Structures are given as C-alpha cells and as structure tokens.
Amino acid sequence: MDIDQIRTHIDNLIKEKGKNYRSLSLSIGKNEAYLHQFINKRSPVRLPEEQRRKLAMLLDVDEQELTDIKLPKTITPVSSHAKTALVEMISLNLDQSAQSTEGFFSLPAADFSNITSTSPEFIKMLRVSGDSMDPTLKDGDFVLADFSFNHFGADGLYLVRTSNHFIIRRLQQISSNELVLISDNANYKSVSLPFKKVDIAGKIIFALKAQRIG
C-alpha cells in the first residue's frame, strides 16, 4: 500500500475498533487534532516511529500495517492477544510536568472491566514516588489514573497538576467552593484551596502494591 492507502486503512481501523481521532491522538502523546490532520490533511506525511508504535498497540495490529516503509521483522508484530486491554505506562515520577511513555501494561479485558468502564485510552499507569501518601500508597507502588476524570466529583484520591509537577492527594470538599488537599502521611500538612485553584489531571482508581516477597 502507498501512504494514501495507509491513511485510509488507519481511518478504517479506527472506525472498526470503535475508537476516535481525539482519544487516540491524546493517547499517542499528541494534541487532540493530530490524527485528524494526518488522515484528512496529510500532515505529517508519515507517522513518527514512536507514535506509530503506540497507535499499533492501541489498535491491536502489526506496526507494519501503519506504514508504507518496510520495517525490520524484529519490529513486527506488536499486536497483543485478543480480549486484552492495553494500558499505557507513563513516566511522571510525580516530580515533572511532562509525561513520556515507558511501555504498555496488558491485562484481560474482563479484569479491566472490573476495575473501570472507562476506555483504556484514558487510563494511565504510573509509579508512585515519595512517601506523602504513605501508608495508603508507598514509594514504588503503581497506580491507575483515569485521565478522563479531570474534575472533582467526590472525595477520593486524585492526580493534581501544580505549577511544575504532579502530586497525588486525597481531595475532600469542605465548602461549596473549597477543597482540602490531604497527604495521608501525617508528616505532611494539608492545604485548603478554592476549586478553581486545583488543577485535576485525573482520578486514582486502582493501586498495585510493590512489595517484595521471599
């Protein structure tokens, strides 16, 4: 297939998989219009390697299907078994405002659906850094964050974006327009802020404890 046929093929795959341009664009680390521009406006000419590989995983196809360039056999295939959910593992370290993909965590779709009904594109796995949420979350634990839940809905654990980094805090509403950001570790002080001052990136929905055994 030539590059224009590849664009059409990707467009068909997105529709067949029940996906959309916006969510996939965000999931591969680009702005929400990226795939629309690639498919309909032919910009960029080809998907960069990093975005192509991520998209192949999210669409559960061989990477070769997404490019007219012959790829080494060591790169293909990248598709996973059917009936699995792929969750992007991102590196935040909770001390920087940018994110990068570390890989993908695969789990049975049935198990994933028991955790959340949100589409996997919006669920990110990240490693906890520091002891501010100890004993609930310890340094080295992994959490799943729902990035589609970027607003306060009820008391719970949230991923909050500050001026230059991310933090996990327990948010609790204390008035009609004020939230308190609580560290479960008593050595850290709680902070009260107006709703408009709290920039919520996502809601923490699941934790995987990192505990060495044996």
C-alpha atoms as a PDB file:
ATOM      1  CA  MET A   1       0.000   0.000   0.000  1.00  0.00           C
ATOM      2  CA  ASP A   2       1.143   3.542  -0.670  1.00  0.00           C
ATOM      3  CA  ILE A   3       0.975   6.229   2.028  1.00  0.00           C
ATOM      4  CA  ASP A   4      -2.501   7.447   0.994  1.00  0.00           C
ATOM      5  CA  GLN A   5      -3.842   3.893   1.158  1.00  0.00           C
ATOM      6  CA  ILE A   6      -2.224   3.597   4.600  1.00  0.00           C
ATOM      7  CA  ARG A   7      -4.151   6.674   5.759  1.00  0.00           C
ATOM      8  CA  THR A   8      -7.409   5.148   4.537  1.00  0.00           C
ATOM      9  CA  HIS A   9      -6.526   1.852   6.201  1.00  0.00           C
ATOM     10  CA  ILE A  10      -5.818   3.571   9.534  1.00  0.00           C
ATOM     11  CA  ASP A  11      -9.076   5.501   9.271  1.00  0.00           C
ATOM     12  CA  ASN A  12     -10.969   2.240   8.696  1.00  0.00           C
ATOM     13  CA  LEU A  13      -9.184   0.558  11.608  1.00  0.00           C
ATOM     14  CA  ILE A  14     -10.155   3.386  13.942  1.00  0.00           C
ATOM     15  CA  LYS A  15     -13.796   3.034  12.953  1.00  0.00           C
ATOM     16  CA  GLU A  16     -13.746  -0.788  13.133  1.00  0.00           C
ATOM     17  CA  LYS A  17     -12.231  -0.702  16.634  1.00  0.00           C
ATOM     18  CA  GLY A  18     -14.801   1.822  17.851  1.00  0.00           C
ATOM     19  CA  LYS A  19     -12.103   4.423  18.537  1.00  0.00           C
ATOM     20  CA  ASN A  20     -11.951   8.109  17.685  1.00  0.00           C
ATOM     21  CA  TYR A  21      -9.300  10.547  16.469  1.00  0.00           C
ATOM     22  CA  ARG A  22      -9.274  12.634  19.622  1.00  0.00           C
ATOM     23  CA  SER A  23      -8.715   9.942  22.228  1.00  0.00           C
ATOM     24  CA  LEU A  24      -6.132   8.108  20.146  1.00  0.00           C
ATOM     25  CA  SER A  25      -4.258  11.329  19.398  1.00  0.00           C
ATOM     26  CA  LEU A  26      -4.009  12.096  23.097  1.00  0.00           C
ATOM     27  CA  SER A  27      -3.010   8.511  23.871  1.00  0.00           C
ATOM     28  CA  ILE A  28      -0.050   8.633  21.493  1.00  0.00           C
ATOM     29  CA  GLY A  29       1.156  11.842  23.098  1.00  0.00           C
ATOM     30  CA  LYS A  30      -0.087  14.387  20.578  1.00  0.00           C
ATOM     31  CA  ASN A  31      -2.746  17.094  20.520  1.00  0.00           C
ATOM     32  CA  GLU A  32      -6.365  16.052  20.024  1.00  0.00           C
ATOM     33  CA  ALA A  33      -6.434  17.005  16.315  1.00  0.00           C
ATOM     34  CA  TYR A  34      -3.243  15.149  15.369  1.00  0.00           C
ATOM     35  CA  LEU A  35      -4.734  12.043  13.732  1.00  0.00           C
ATOM     36  CA  HIS A  36      -7.483  14.042  12.023  1.00  0.00           C
ATOM     37  CA  GLN A  37      -4.784  16.170  10.403  1.00  0.00           C
ATOM     38  CA  PHE A  38      -2.687  13.135   9.487  1.00  0.00           C
ATOM     39  CA  ILE A  39      -5.578  11.302   7.841  1.00  0.00           C
ATOM     40  CA  ASN A  40      -7.533  14.168   6.289  1.00  0.00           C
ATOM     41  CA  LYS A  41      -4.907  16.856   5.731  1.00  0.00           C
ATOM     42  CA  ARG A  42      -1.900  14.587   5.087  1.00  0.00           C
ATOM     43  CA  SER A  43       0.169  16.219   7.802  1.00  0.00           C
ATOM     44  CA  PRO A  44       2.572  14.791   8.804  1.00  0.00           C
ATOM     45  CA  VAL A  45       3.403  12.774   5.697  1.00  0.00           C
ATOM     46  CA  ARG A  46       4.088   9.686   7.829  1.00  0.00           C
ATOM     47  CA  LEU A  47       3.595   8.910  11.495  1.00  0.00           C
ATOM     48  CA  PRO A  48       6.815   9.219  13.510  1.00  0.00           C
ATOM     49  CA  GLU A  49       8.126   5.899  14.818  1.00  0.00           C
ATOM     50  CA  GLU A  50       7.106   6.486  18.444  1.00  0.00           C
ATOM     51  CA  GLN A  51       3.537   7.485  17.574  1.00  0.00           C
ATOM     52  CA  ARG A  52       3.226   4.701  15.005  1.00  0.00           C
ATOM     53  CA  ARG A  53       4.247   2.065  17.553  1.00  0.00           C
ATOM     54  CA  LYS A  54       1.842   3.375  20.190  1.00  0.00           C
ATOM     55  CA  LEU A  55      -1.008   3.509  17.692  1.00  0.00           C
ATOM     56  CA  ALA A  56      -0.322  -0.061  16.568  1.00  0.00           C
ATOM     57  CA  MET A  57      -0.614  -1.254  20.160  1.00  0.00           C
ATOM     58  CA  LEU A  58      -3.797   0.699  20.780  1.00  0.00           C
ATOM     59  CA  LEU A  59      -5.393  -0.631  17.584  1.00  0.00           C
ATOM     60  CA  ASP A  60      -4.054  -4.132  18.250  1.00  0.00           C
ATOM     61  CA  VAL A  61      -2.414  -4.514  14.834  1.00  0.00           C
ATOM     62  CA  ASP A  62       1.068  -5.098  13.442  1.00  0.00           C
ATOM     63  CA  GLU A  63       3.034  -1.892  13.162  1.00  0.00           C
ATOM     64  CA  GLN A  64       3.714  -2.699   9.508  1.00  0.00           C
ATOM     65  CA  GLU A  65       0.028  -2.038   8.741  1.00  0.00           C
ATOM     66  CA  LEU A  66       0.518   1.621   9.650  1.00  0.00           C
ATOM     67  CA  THR A  67       3.357   2.487   7.285  1.00  0.00           C
ATOM     68  CA  ASP A  68       4.379   2.054   3.645  1.00  0.00           C
ATOM     69  CA  ILE A  69       8.014   1.677   4.739  1.00  0.00           C
ATOM     70  CA  LYS A  70       9.245  -1.894   5.113  1.00  0.00           C
ATOM     71  CA  LEU A  71      10.024  -2.467   8.782  1.00  0.00           C
ATOM     72  CA  PRO A  72      12.556  -4.948  10.176  1.00  0.00           C
ATOM     73  CA  LYS A  73      10.984  -8.225  11.248  1.00  0.00           C
ATOM     74  CA  THR A  74      12.144  -7.564  14.797  1.00  0.00           C
ATOM     75  CA  ILE A  75       9.649  -4.712  14.991  1.00  0.00           C
ATOM     76  CA  THR A  76       6.611  -6.679  13.820  1.00  0.00           C
ATOM     77  CA  PRO A  77       4.328  -7.932  15.083  1.00  0.00           C
ATOM     78  CA  VAL A  78       3.350  -5.790  18.045  1.00  0.00           C
ATOM     79  CA  SER A  79      -0.277  -6.831  18.351  1.00  0.00           C
ATOM     80  CA  SER A  80      -1.459  -8.393  21.568  1.00  0.00           C
ATOM     81  CA  HIS A  81      -3.809 -11.314  22.121  1.00  0.00           C
ATOM     82  CA  ALA A  82      -7.469 -10.627  21.581  1.00  0.00           C
ATOM     83  CA  LYS A  83      -9.667  -9.783  24.530  1.00  0.00           C
ATOM     84  CA  THR A  84      -6.983  -7.827  26.334  1.00  0.00           C
ATOM     85  CA  ALA A  85      -6.791  -4.204  27.425  1.00  0.00           C
ATOM     86  CA  LEU A  86      -3.586  -2.250  26.915  1.00  0.00           C
ATOM     87  CA  VAL A  87      -2.867   0.461  29.455  1.00  0.00           C
ATOM     88  CA  GLU A  88      -0.143   2.973  28.698  1.00  0.00           C
ATOM     89  CA  MET A  89       2.575   3.145  31.349  1.00  0.00           C
ATOM     90  CA  ILE A  90       3.793   6.711  31.670  1.00  0.00           C
ATOM     91  CA  SER A  91       6.754   8.182  33.444  1.00  0.00           C
ATOM     92  CA  LEU A  92       5.900  11.142  35.652  1.00  0.00           C
ATOM     93  CA  ASN A  93       7.822  10.317  38.802  1.00  0.00           C
ATOM     94  CA  LEU A  94       5.375  12.852  40.249  1.00  0.00           C
ATOM     95  CA  ASP A  95       8.096  15.488  40.042  1.00  0.00           C
ATOM     96  CA  GLN A  96       7.771  16.801  36.499  1.00  0.00           C
ATOM     97  CA  SER A  97       5.035  18.321  34.379  1.00  0.00           C
ATOM     98  CA  ALA A  98       5.796  16.348  31.206  1.00  0.00           C
ATOM     99  CA  GLN A  99       4.994  12.695  30.587  1.00  0.00           C
ATOM    100  CA  SER A 100       6.678  10.022  28.498  1.00  0.00           C
ATOM    101  CA  THR A 101       5.627   6.505  27.580  1.00  0.00           C
ATOM    102  CA  GLU A 102       7.520   3.694  29.290  1.00  0.00           C
ATOM    103  CA  GLY A 103       5.535   0.845  27.760  1.00  0.00           C
ATOM    104  CA  PHE A 104       2.138  -0.822  27.964  1.00  0.00           C
ATOM    105  CA  PHE A 105       0.557  -2.990  30.645  1.00  0.00           C
ATOM    106  CA  SER A 106      -1.683  -5.743  29.292  1.00  0.00           C
ATOM    107  CA  LEU A 107      -4.432  -7.401  31.270  1.00  0.00           C
ATOM    108  CA  PRO A 108      -7.522  -9.438  30.382  1.00  0.00           C
ATOM    109  CA  ALA A 109     -10.408  -7.273  29.229  1.00  0.00           C
ATOM    110  CA  ALA A 110     -12.692  -8.908  31.785  1.00  0.00           C
ATOM    111  CA  ASP A 111     -10.355  -7.923  34.635  1.00  0.00           C
ATOM    112  CA  PHE A 112     -10.018  -4.412  33.238  1.00  0.00           C
ATOM    113  CA  SER A 113     -13.801  -4.023  33.067  1.00  0.00           C
ATOM    114  CA  ASN A 114     -13.996  -4.991  36.732  1.00  0.00           C
ATOM    115  CA  ILE A 115     -11.753  -2.021  37.531  1.00  0.00           C
ATOM    116  CA  THR A 116     -13.377   0.625  35.338  1.00  0.00           C
ATOM    117  CA  SER A 117     -15.809   1.177  32.474  1.00  0.00           C
ATOM    118  CA  THR A 118     -13.614   3.959  31.058  1.00  0.00           C
ATOM    119  CA  SER A 119     -11.942   3.236  27.717  1.00  0.00           C
ATOM    120  CA  PRO A 120      -8.296   2.070  28.138  1.00  0.00           C
ATOM    121  CA  GLU A 121      -7.021   5.071  26.169  1.00  0.00           C
ATOM    122  CA  PHE A 122      -7.809   7.303  29.130  1.00  0.00           C
ATOM    123  CA  ILE A 123      -6.301   5.035  31.798  1.00  0.00           C
ATOM    124  CA  LYS A 124      -2.602   5.517  32.560  1.00  0.00           C
ATOM    125  CA  MET A 125      -0.338   3.552  34.852  1.00  0.00           C
ATOM    126  CA  LEU A 126       2.321   5.423  36.803  1.00  0.00           C
ATOM    127  CA  ARG A 127       4.745   4.729  39.604  1.00  0.00           C
ATOM    128  CA  VAL A 128       4.344   6.424  42.982  1.00  0.00           C
ATOM    129  CA  SER A 129       7.373   8.425  44.053  1.00  0.00           C
ATOM    130  CA  GLY A 130       7.866   9.574  47.633  1.00  0.00           C
ATOM    131  CA  ASP A 131       6.082   8.941  50.925  1.00  0.00           C
ATOM    132  CA  SER A 132       3.492  11.728  51.023  1.00  0.00           C
ATOM    133  CA  MET A 133       0.609   9.239  50.673  1.00  0.00           C
ATOM    134  CA  ASP A 134       2.055   6.573  52.976  1.00  0.00           C
ATOM    135  CA  PRO A 135       0.619   4.214  54.188  1.00  0.00           C
ATOM    136  CA  THR A 136      -2.110   4.208  51.504  1.00  0.00           C
ATOM    137  CA  LEU A 137       0.427   4.436  48.689  1.00  0.00           C
ATOM    138  CA  LYS A 138       4.079   3.670  49.209  1.00  0.00           C
ATOM    139  CA  ASP A 139       7.110   4.684  47.181  1.00  0.00           C
ATOM    140  CA  GLY A 140       7.368   2.294  44.221  1.00  0.00           C
ATOM    141  CA  ASP A 141       3.695   1.297  44.132  1.00  0.00           C
ATOM    142  CA  PHE A 142       1.855   1.549  40.820  1.00  0.00           C
ATOM    143  CA  VAL A 143      -1.497   3.264  40.354  1.00  0.00           C
ATOM    144  CA  LEU A 144      -4.018   3.507  37.537  1.00  0.00           C
ATOM    145  CA  ALA A 145      -5.218   7.044  36.881  1.00  0.00           C
ATOM    146  CA  ASP A 146      -8.344   7.874  34.885  1.00  0.00           C
ATOM    147  CA  PHE A 147      -7.365  10.942  32.840  1.00  0.00           C
ATOM    148  CA  SER A 148     -10.930  11.381  31.566  1.00  0.00           C
ATOM    149  CA  PHE A 149     -11.953  12.194  35.148  1.00  0.00           C
ATOM    150  CA  ASN A 150     -10.246  15.593  35.239  1.00  0.00           C
ATOM    151  CA  HIS A 151     -12.682  17.257  37.599  1.00  0.00           C
ATOM    152  CA  PHE A 152     -13.729  16.851  41.214  1.00  0.00           C
ATOM    153  CA  GLY A 153     -16.700  14.517  41.585  1.00  0.00           C
ATOM    154  CA  ALA A 154     -16.442  13.172  45.110  1.00  0.00           C
ATOM    155  CA  ASP A 155     -13.908  12.784  47.898  1.00  0.00           C
ATOM    156  CA  GLY A 156     -11.068  10.477  46.866  1.00  0.00           C
ATOM    157  CA  LEU A 157      -7.529  10.223  45.526  1.00  0.00           C
ATOM    158  CA  TYR A 158      -6.619  12.439  42.588  1.00  0.00           C
ATOM    159  CA  LEU A 159      -3.623  13.272  40.434  1.00  0.00           C
ATOM    160  CA  VAL A 160      -3.181  17.027  40.749  1.00  0.00           C
ATOM    161  CA  ARG A 161      -1.107  19.245  38.494  1.00  0.00           C
ATOM    162  CA  THR A 162       0.725  22.097  40.223  1.00  0.00           C
ATOM    163  CA  SER A 163       2.871  24.811  38.661  1.00  0.00           C
ATOM    164  CA  ASN A 164       5.756  22.491  37.825  1.00  0.00           C
ATOM    165  CA  HIS A 165       4.934  18.929  38.899  1.00  0.00           C
ATOM    166  CA  PHE A 166       2.282  16.324  39.642  1.00  0.00           C
ATOM    167  CA  ILE A 167       1.181  15.144  43.069  1.00  0.00           C
ATOM    168  CA  ILE A 168      -1.254  12.538  44.361  1.00  0.00           C
ATOM    169  CA  ARG A 169      -3.507  13.831  47.103  1.00  0.00           C
ATOM    170  CA  ARG A 170      -6.745  12.932  48.814  1.00  0.00           C
ATOM    171  CA  LEU A 171      -9.244  15.657  47.913  1.00  0.00           C
ATOM    172  CA  GLN A 172     -12.071  16.487  50.266  1.00  0.00           C
ATOM    173  CA  GLN A 173     -14.730  19.144  49.797  1.00  0.00           C
ATOM    174  CA  ILE A 174     -15.038  21.389  52.820  1.00  0.00           C
ATOM    175  CA  SER A 175     -17.352  24.068  51.424  1.00  0.00           C
ATOM    176  CA  SER A 176     -19.259  24.921  48.251  1.00  0.00           C
ATOM    177  CA  ASN A 177     -16.134  26.340  46.630  1.00  0.00           C
ATOM    178  CA  GLU A 178     -13.177  24.943  48.578  1.00  0.00           C
ATOM    179  CA  LEU A 179     -11.196  21.711  48.639  1.00  0.00           C
ATOM    180  CA  VAL A 180      -8.614  20.421  51.072  1.00  0.00           C
ATOM    181  CA  LEU A 181      -5.618  18.530  49.668  1.00  0.00           C
ATOM    182  CA  ILE A 182      -4.689  15.851  52.186  1.00  0.00           C
ATOM    183  CA  SER A 183      -1.465  13.843  52.446  1.00  0.00           C
ATOM    184  CA  ASP A 184      -2.188  10.530  54.160  1.00  0.00           C
ATOM    185  CA  ASN A 185       1.267  10.782  55.726  1.00  0.00           C
ATOM    186  CA  ALA A 186       0.782  12.835  58.899  1.00  0.00           C
ATOM    187  CA  ASN A 187       4.227  14.390  58.417  1.00  0.00           C
ATOM    188  CA  TYR A 188       2.849  16.456  55.530  1.00  0.00           C
ATOM    189  CA  LYS A 189       0.468  19.353  56.054  1.00  0.00           C
ATOM    190  CA  SER A 190      -2.928  19.535  54.377  1.00  0.00           C
ATOM    191  CA  VAL A 191      -3.671  22.538  52.160  1.00  0.00           C
ATOM    192  CA  SER A 192      -7.035  24.209  51.521  1.00  0.00           C
ATOM    193  CA  LEU A 193      -7.622  25.788  48.119  1.00  0.00           C
ATOM    194  CA  PRO A 194     -10.534  27.193  46.105  1.00  0.00           C
ATOM    195  CA  PHE A 195     -11.898  24.819  43.455  1.00  0.00           C
ATOM    196  CA  LYS A 196     -10.526  26.979  40.645  1.00  0.00           C
ATOM    197  CA  LYS A 197      -7.010  26.713  42.046  1.00  0.00           C
ATOM    198  CA  VAL A 198      -6.971  22.884  41.962  1.00  0.00           C
ATOM    199  CA  ASP A 199      -5.903  21.573  38.539  1.00  0.00           C
ATOM    200  CA  ILE A 200      -7.031  17.937  38.458  1.00  0.00           C
ATOM    201  CA  ALA A 201      -5.272  15.761  35.863  1.00  0.00           C
ATOM    202  CA  GLY A 202      -7.052  12.516  36.720  1.00  0.00           C
ATOM    203  CA  LYS A 203      -8.575  10.320  39.397  1.00  0.00           C
ATOM    204  CA  ILE A 204      -6.685   7.443  41.002  1.00  0.00           C
ATOM    205  CA  ILE A 205      -8.859   4.362  40.584  1.00  0.00           C
ATOM    206  CA  PHE A 206      -6.616   1.389  41.381  1.00  0.00           C
ATOM    207  CA  ALA A 207      -3.333   0.574  43.103  1.00  0.00           C
ATOM    208  CA  LEU A 208      -0.873  -2.249  42.563  1.00  0.00           C
ATOM    209  CA  LYS A 209       1.284  -2.708  45.613  1.00  0.00           C
ATOM    210  CA  ALA A 210       5.001  -3.146  45.030  1.00  0.00           C
ATOM    211  CA  GLN A 211       6.001  -5.483  47.830  1.00  0.00           C
ATOM    212  CA  ARG A 212       8.966  -7.811  47.595  1.00  0.00           C
ATOM    213  CA  ILE A 213       8.162 -11.375  48.654  1.00  0.00           C
ATOM    214  CA  GLY A 214      10.696 -14.014  49.641  1.00  0.00           C
END
